[in-house]
Amino acid sequence: MTFSEHATTDHDDDAVIVMSADDFQHAAQRALDELGLTYAELEEQAHDGDFTSSQAHALWVSIGGTVDL
């Protein structure tokens, strides 16, 4: 994975990680695989407001509506 860090404020600990679209897609798919979910299943959980785990909810917050998997 390729990324670069750029300071966004005067604070030394603030950084933004910039990823390519392909890297983001692969990371999203890996996270889904680790949870044993498809994107469609995660999307359905979000629609119903009933996630199988806090990790599934956090993943939806991170990738919901941003990938086509």
N, C-alpha and C. Protein backbone atom coordinates (compact mmCIF):
# COMPACT_ATOMS: atom_id res chain seq x y z
N MET A 1 0.86 -1.17 0.00
CA MET A 1 0.00 0.00 0.00
C MET A 1 0.90 1.23 0.00
N THR A 2 0.50 2.19 -0.77
CA THR A 2 1.23 3.45 -0.85
C THR A 2 0.45 4.53 -0.11
N PHE A 3 1.12 5.27 0.74
CA PHE A 3 0.46 6.38 1.40
C PHE A 3 1.48 7.47 1.69
N SER A 4 0.97 8.64 1.90
CA SER A 4 1.84 9.74 2.30
C SER A 4 1.14 10.50 3.41
N GLU A 5 1.92 11.09 4.29
CA GLU A 5 1.35 11.84 5.40
C GLU A 5 1.63 13.32 5.18
N HIS A 6 0.62 14.13 5.44
CA HIS A 6 0.75 15.57 5.31
C HIS A 6 0.21 16.22 6.57
N ALA A 7 0.98 17.09 7.19
CA ALA A 7 0.50 17.81 8.36
C ALA A 7 -0.65 18.71 7.94
N THR A 8 -1.71 18.73 8.72
CA THR A 8 -2.88 19.53 8.38
C THR A 8 -3.07 20.73 9.30
N THR A 9 -2.38 20.73 10.40
CA THR A 9 -2.50 21.84 11.36
C THR A 9 -1.12 22.14 11.93
N ASP A 10 -1.09 23.01 12.89
CA ASP A 10 0.16 23.33 13.56
C ASP A 10 0.56 22.26 14.57
N HIS A 11 -0.30 21.28 14.81
CA HIS A 11 -0.01 20.23 15.76
C HIS A 11 0.82 19.14 15.10
N ASP A 12 1.86 18.70 15.76
CA ASP A 12 2.76 17.70 15.20
C ASP A 12 2.09 16.34 15.01
N ASP A 13 1.05 16.05 15.79
CA ASP A 13 0.47 14.71 15.74
C ASP A 13 -0.71 14.59 14.76
N ASP A 14 -1.09 15.64 14.08
CA ASP A 14 -2.17 15.57 13.09
C ASP A 14 -1.60 15.20 11.73
N ALA A 15 -2.23 14.23 11.09
CA ALA A 15 -1.77 13.80 9.77
C ALA A 15 -2.96 13.29 8.97
N VAL A 16 -2.84 13.34 7.68
CA VAL A 16 -3.84 12.79 6.77
C VAL A 16 -3.15 11.71 5.96
N ILE A 17 -3.75 10.55 5.88
CA ILE A 17 -3.20 9.48 5.06
C ILE A 17 -3.93 9.52 3.72
N VAL A 18 -3.18 9.65 2.66
CA VAL A 18 -3.75 9.72 1.32
C VAL A 18 -3.52 8.38 0.64
N MET A 19 -4.61 7.74 0.20
CA MET A 19 -4.52 6.43 -0.45
C MET A 19 -5.08 6.54 -1.85
N SER A 20 -4.60 5.67 -2.72
CA SER A 20 -5.19 5.59 -4.05
C SER A 20 -6.57 4.94 -3.94
N ALA A 21 -7.39 5.11 -4.95
CA ALA A 21 -8.72 4.50 -4.96
C ALA A 21 -8.61 2.98 -4.89
N ASP A 22 -7.64 2.41 -5.60
CA ASP A 22 -7.45 0.95 -5.56
C ASP A 22 -7.06 0.48 -4.17
N ASP A 23 -6.15 1.20 -3.53
CA ASP A 23 -5.74 0.83 -2.17
C ASP A 23 -6.92 0.90 -1.22
N PHE A 24 -7.77 1.93 -1.37
CA PHE A 24 -8.93 2.07 -0.50
C PHE A 24 -9.90 0.91 -0.72
N GLN A 25 -10.14 0.55 -1.98
CA GLN A 25 -11.03 -0.58 -2.30
C GLN A 25 -10.50 -1.87 -1.68
N HIS A 26 -9.20 -2.11 -1.83
CA HIS A 26 -8.60 -3.34 -1.28
C HIS A 26 -8.70 -3.35 0.25
N ALA A 27 -8.47 -2.22 0.87
CA ALA A 27 -8.56 -2.15 2.33
C ALA A 27 -10.00 -2.38 2.80
N ALA A 28 -10.95 -1.82 2.09
CA ALA A 28 -12.36 -2.02 2.44
C ALA A 28 -12.74 -3.49 2.29
N GLN A 29 -12.29 -4.11 1.21
CA GLN A 29 -12.61 -5.53 0.99
C GLN A 29 -11.96 -6.41 2.06
N ARG A 30 -10.72 -6.09 2.43
CA ARG A 30 -10.06 -6.85 3.51
C ARG A 30 -10.83 -6.74 4.81
N ALA A 31 -11.29 -5.53 5.12
CA ALA A 31 -12.06 -5.32 6.37
C ALA A 31 -13.36 -6.11 6.33
N LEU A 32 -14.04 -6.10 5.19
CA LEU A 32 -15.27 -6.89 5.06
C LEU A 32 -14.97 -8.38 5.23
N ASP A 33 -13.90 -8.84 4.59
CA ASP A 33 -13.53 -10.26 4.69
C ASP A 33 -13.25 -10.64 6.14
N GLU A 34 -12.56 -9.76 6.88
CA GLU A 34 -12.25 -10.05 8.29
C GLU A 34 -13.52 -10.16 9.12
N LEU A 35 -14.56 -9.42 8.73
CA LEU A 35 -15.83 -9.49 9.46
C LEU A 35 -16.74 -10.58 8.93
N GLY A 36 -16.36 -11.20 7.82
CA GLY A 36 -17.19 -12.25 7.23
C GLY A 36 -18.45 -11.71 6.60
N LEU A 37 -18.39 -10.47 6.08
CA LEU A 37 -19.55 -9.82 5.50
C LEU A 37 -19.29 -9.42 4.06
N THR A 38 -20.35 -9.35 3.29
CA THR A 38 -20.27 -8.71 1.98
C THR A 38 -20.65 -7.25 2.16
N TYR A 39 -20.35 -6.44 1.16
CA TYR A 39 -20.74 -5.03 1.23
C TYR A 39 -22.27 -4.93 1.29
N ALA A 40 -22.96 -5.77 0.52
CA ALA A 40 -24.43 -5.74 0.51
C ALA A 40 -24.99 -6.06 1.90
N GLU A 41 -24.38 -7.03 2.58
CA GLU A 41 -24.84 -7.36 3.94
C GLU A 41 -24.61 -6.20 4.90
N LEU A 42 -23.44 -5.56 4.78
CA LEU A 42 -23.15 -4.42 5.64
C LEU A 42 -24.11 -3.27 5.35
N GLU A 43 -24.39 -3.05 4.08
CA GLU A 43 -25.33 -2.00 3.68
C GLU A 43 -26.73 -2.27 4.23
N GLU A 44 -27.13 -3.53 4.20
CA GLU A 44 -28.45 -3.90 4.75
C GLU A 44 -28.49 -3.66 6.26
N GLN A 45 -27.41 -4.00 6.95
CA GLN A 45 -27.35 -3.74 8.39
C GLN A 45 -27.49 -2.24 8.67
N ALA A 46 -26.83 -1.43 7.84
CA ALA A 46 -26.93 0.02 8.02
C ALA A 46 -28.35 0.49 7.76
N HIS A 47 -28.97 -0.04 6.73
CA HIS A 47 -30.35 0.35 6.40
C HIS A 47 -31.29 0.01 7.55
N ASP A 48 -31.08 -1.17 8.14
CA ASP A 48 -31.94 -1.62 9.24
C ASP A 48 -31.54 -0.99 10.58
N GLY A 49 -30.35 -0.38 10.63
CA GLY A 49 -29.86 0.19 11.89
C GLY A 49 -29.53 -0.88 12.92
N ASP A 50 -29.18 -2.07 12.44
CA ASP A 50 -28.92 -3.20 13.32
C ASP A 50 -27.64 -3.90 12.87
N PHE A 51 -26.51 -3.48 13.44
CA PHE A 51 -25.21 -4.04 13.06
C PHE A 51 -24.90 -5.27 13.89
N THR A 52 -24.19 -6.22 13.28
CA THR A 52 -23.84 -7.45 13.98
C THR A 52 -22.74 -7.23 15.01
N SER A 53 -22.01 -6.13 14.89
CA SER A 53 -20.94 -5.84 15.86
C SER A 53 -20.59 -4.36 15.79
N SER A 54 -19.87 -3.92 16.80
CA SER A 54 -19.41 -2.53 16.79
C SER A 54 -18.39 -2.33 15.66
N GLN A 55 -17.64 -3.39 15.32
CA GLN A 55 -16.69 -3.29 14.22
C GLN A 55 -17.41 -3.09 12.89
N ALA A 56 -18.54 -3.77 12.71
CA ALA A 56 -19.33 -3.60 11.48
C ALA A 56 -19.86 -2.18 11.40
N HIS A 57 -20.33 -1.65 12.51
CA HIS A 57 -20.82 -0.28 12.53
C HIS A 57 -19.70 0.71 12.20
N ALA A 58 -18.54 0.51 12.81
CA ALA A 58 -17.40 1.39 12.55
C ALA A 58 -16.97 1.31 11.09
N LEU A 59 -17.01 0.12 10.52
CA LEU A 59 -16.64 -0.02 9.11
C LEU A 59 -17.63 0.72 8.23
N TRP A 60 -18.92 0.64 8.55
CA TRP A 60 -19.91 1.37 7.75
C TRP A 60 -19.66 2.87 7.83
N VAL A 61 -19.35 3.34 9.02
CA VAL A 61 -19.06 4.78 9.17
C VAL A 61 -17.87 5.15 8.29
N SER A 62 -16.91 4.25 8.17
CA SER A 62 -15.70 4.53 7.39
C SER A 62 -15.91 4.42 5.89
N ILE A 63 -16.68 3.41 5.44
CA ILE A 63 -16.75 3.16 3.99
C ILE A 63 -18.13 3.25 3.39
N GLY A 64 -19.14 3.41 4.21
CA GLY A 64 -20.51 3.41 3.70
C GLY A 64 -20.75 4.40 2.58
N GLY A 65 -21.18 3.89 1.42
CA GLY A 65 -21.48 4.75 0.28
C GLY A 65 -20.27 5.22 -0.50
N THR A 66 -19.07 4.75 -0.14
CA THR A 66 -17.88 5.25 -0.81
C THR A 66 -17.23 4.24 -1.74
N VAL A 67 -17.68 2.98 -1.70
CA VAL A 67 -17.07 1.95 -2.54
C VAL A 67 -18.16 1.21 -3.31
N ASP A 68 -17.74 0.53 -4.35
CA ASP A 68 -18.65 -0.28 -5.14
C ASP A 68 -18.13 -1.71 -5.11
N LEU A 69 -18.47 -2.43 -4.03
CA LEU A 69 -17.98 -3.80 -3.87
C LEU A 69 -19.10 -4.80 -3.99
